[in-house]
Amino acid sequence: MSPTFNIGDAKTRLSHPVTQAGEGRDVIIIRTIELLRRERKEHPSVSAVEIRAARDEGRA
């Protein structure tokens, strides 16, 4: 299984996942649901369908 880092961890310790990726390992960086909720509050016209589409396309 690939290691998973939330976006906050990746920002503070980015060199670790970058090193792993450089060694040919798969690295997954995720955004937490709280970040999506904040985005939703700031942009209430964004639907749940649009949020899922952004996630599926790697934009969230």
C-alpha atoms as a PDB file:
ATOM      1  CA  MET A   1       0.000   0.000   0.000  1.00  0.00           C
ATOM      2  CA  SER A   2       1.283   3.480  -0.849  1.00  0.00           C
ATOM      3  CA  PRO A   3       1.966   5.894   2.002  1.00  0.00           C
ATOM      4  CA  THR A   4      -0.682   8.577   2.378  1.00  0.00           C
ATOM      5  CA  PHE A   5      -0.037  12.116   3.626  1.00  0.00           C
ATOM      6  CA  ASN A   6      -2.595  14.790   4.294  1.00  0.00           C
ATOM      7  CA  ILE A   7      -1.852  18.093   2.588  1.00  0.00           C
ATOM      8  CA  GLY A   8      -0.742  19.751   5.839  1.00  0.00           C
ATOM      9  CA  ASP A   9       1.833  17.029   6.484  1.00  0.00           C
ATOM     10  CA  ALA A  10       3.020  17.212   2.918  1.00  0.00           C
ATOM     11  CA  LYS A  11       3.495  20.980   3.144  1.00  0.00           C
ATOM     12  CA  THR A  12       5.513  20.785   6.347  1.00  0.00           C
ATOM     13  CA  ARG A  13       7.470  17.670   5.404  1.00  0.00           C
ATOM     14  CA  LEU A  14       7.410  17.786   1.619  1.00  0.00           C
ATOM     15  CA  SER A  15      10.958  16.515   1.228  1.00  0.00           C
ATOM     16  CA  HIS A  16       9.991  13.067   2.569  1.00  0.00           C
ATOM     17  CA  PRO A  17       7.260  12.247   0.025  1.00  0.00           C
ATOM     18  CA  VAL A  18       9.332  13.845  -2.755  1.00  0.00           C
ATOM     19  CA  THR A  19      12.282  11.611  -1.826  1.00  0.00           C
ATOM     20  CA  GLN A  20      10.024   8.552  -1.818  1.00  0.00           C
ATOM     21  CA  ALA A  21       8.601   9.469  -5.214  1.00  0.00           C
ATOM     22  CA  GLY A  22      12.142  10.015  -6.507  1.00  0.00           C
ATOM     23  CA  GLU A  23      12.983   6.487  -5.431  1.00  0.00           C
ATOM     24  CA  GLY A  24      10.157   5.213  -7.625  1.00  0.00           C
ATOM     25  CA  ARG A  25       7.654   4.653  -4.829  1.00  0.00           C
ATOM     26  CA  ASP A  26       4.021   5.662  -5.211  1.00  0.00           C
ATOM     27  CA  VAL A  27       3.046   8.540  -2.933  1.00  0.00           C
ATOM     28  CA  ILE A  28      -0.518   9.734  -2.391  1.00  0.00           C
ATOM     29  CA  ILE A  29      -1.231  13.227  -1.055  1.00  0.00           C
ATOM     30  CA  ILE A  30      -4.793  13.843   0.096  1.00  0.00           C
ATOM     31  CA  ARG A  31      -6.737  16.947   1.013  1.00  0.00           C
ATOM     32  CA  THR A  32      -8.774  16.639   4.167  1.00  0.00           C
ATOM     33  CA  ILE A  33     -12.528  16.940   4.302  1.00  0.00           C
ATOM     34  CA  GLU A  34     -12.185  20.040   6.518  1.00  0.00           C
ATOM     35  CA  LEU A  35     -10.455  21.857   3.687  1.00  0.00           C
ATOM     36  CA  LEU A  36     -13.286  20.935   1.343  1.00  0.00           C
ATOM     37  CA  ARG A  37     -15.820  22.123   3.893  1.00  0.00           C
ATOM     38  CA  ARG A  38     -14.039  25.491   4.164  1.00  0.00           C
ATOM     39  CA  GLU A  39     -14.073  25.783   0.390  1.00  0.00           C
ATOM     40  CA  ARG A  40     -17.784  24.995   0.395  1.00  0.00           C
ATOM     41  CA  LYS A  41     -18.469  27.735   2.955  1.00  0.00           C
ATOM     42  CA  GLU A  42     -16.538  30.256   0.888  1.00  0.00           C
ATOM     43  CA  HIS A  43     -18.226  29.152  -2.346  1.00  0.00           C
ATOM     44  CA  PRO A  44     -21.694  27.910  -1.383  1.00  0.00           C
ATOM     45  CA  SER A  45     -22.814  27.661  -4.995  1.00  0.00           C
ATOM     46  CA  VAL A  46     -20.493  24.683  -5.500  1.00  0.00           C
ATOM     47  CA  SER A  47     -22.532  21.496  -5.399  1.00  0.00           C
ATOM     48  CA  ALA A  48     -21.537  18.191  -3.860  1.00  0.00           C
ATOM     49  CA  VAL A  49     -21.430  16.772  -7.389  1.00  0.00           C
ATOM     50  CA  GLU A  50     -18.907  19.440  -8.411  1.00  0.00           C
ATOM     51  CA  ILE A  51     -16.790  18.728  -5.333  1.00  0.00           C
ATOM     52  CA  ARG A  52     -16.769  14.994  -6.125  1.00  0.00           C
ATOM     53  CA  ALA A  53     -15.847  15.734  -9.743  1.00  0.00           C
ATOM     54  CA  ALA A  54     -12.965  17.946  -8.588  1.00  0.00           C
ATOM     55  CA  ARG A  55     -11.796  15.153  -6.286  1.00  0.00           C
ATOM     56  CA  ASP A  56     -12.033  12.548  -9.013  1.00  0.00           C
ATOM     57  CA  GLU A  57     -10.098  14.781 -11.396  1.00  0.00           C
ATOM     58  CA  GLY A  58      -7.384  15.416  -8.810  1.00  0.00           C
ATOM     59  CA  ARG A  59      -8.287  19.072  -8.328  1.00  0.00           C
ATOM     60  CA  ALA A  60      -9.322  18.642  -4.681  1.00  0.00           C
END
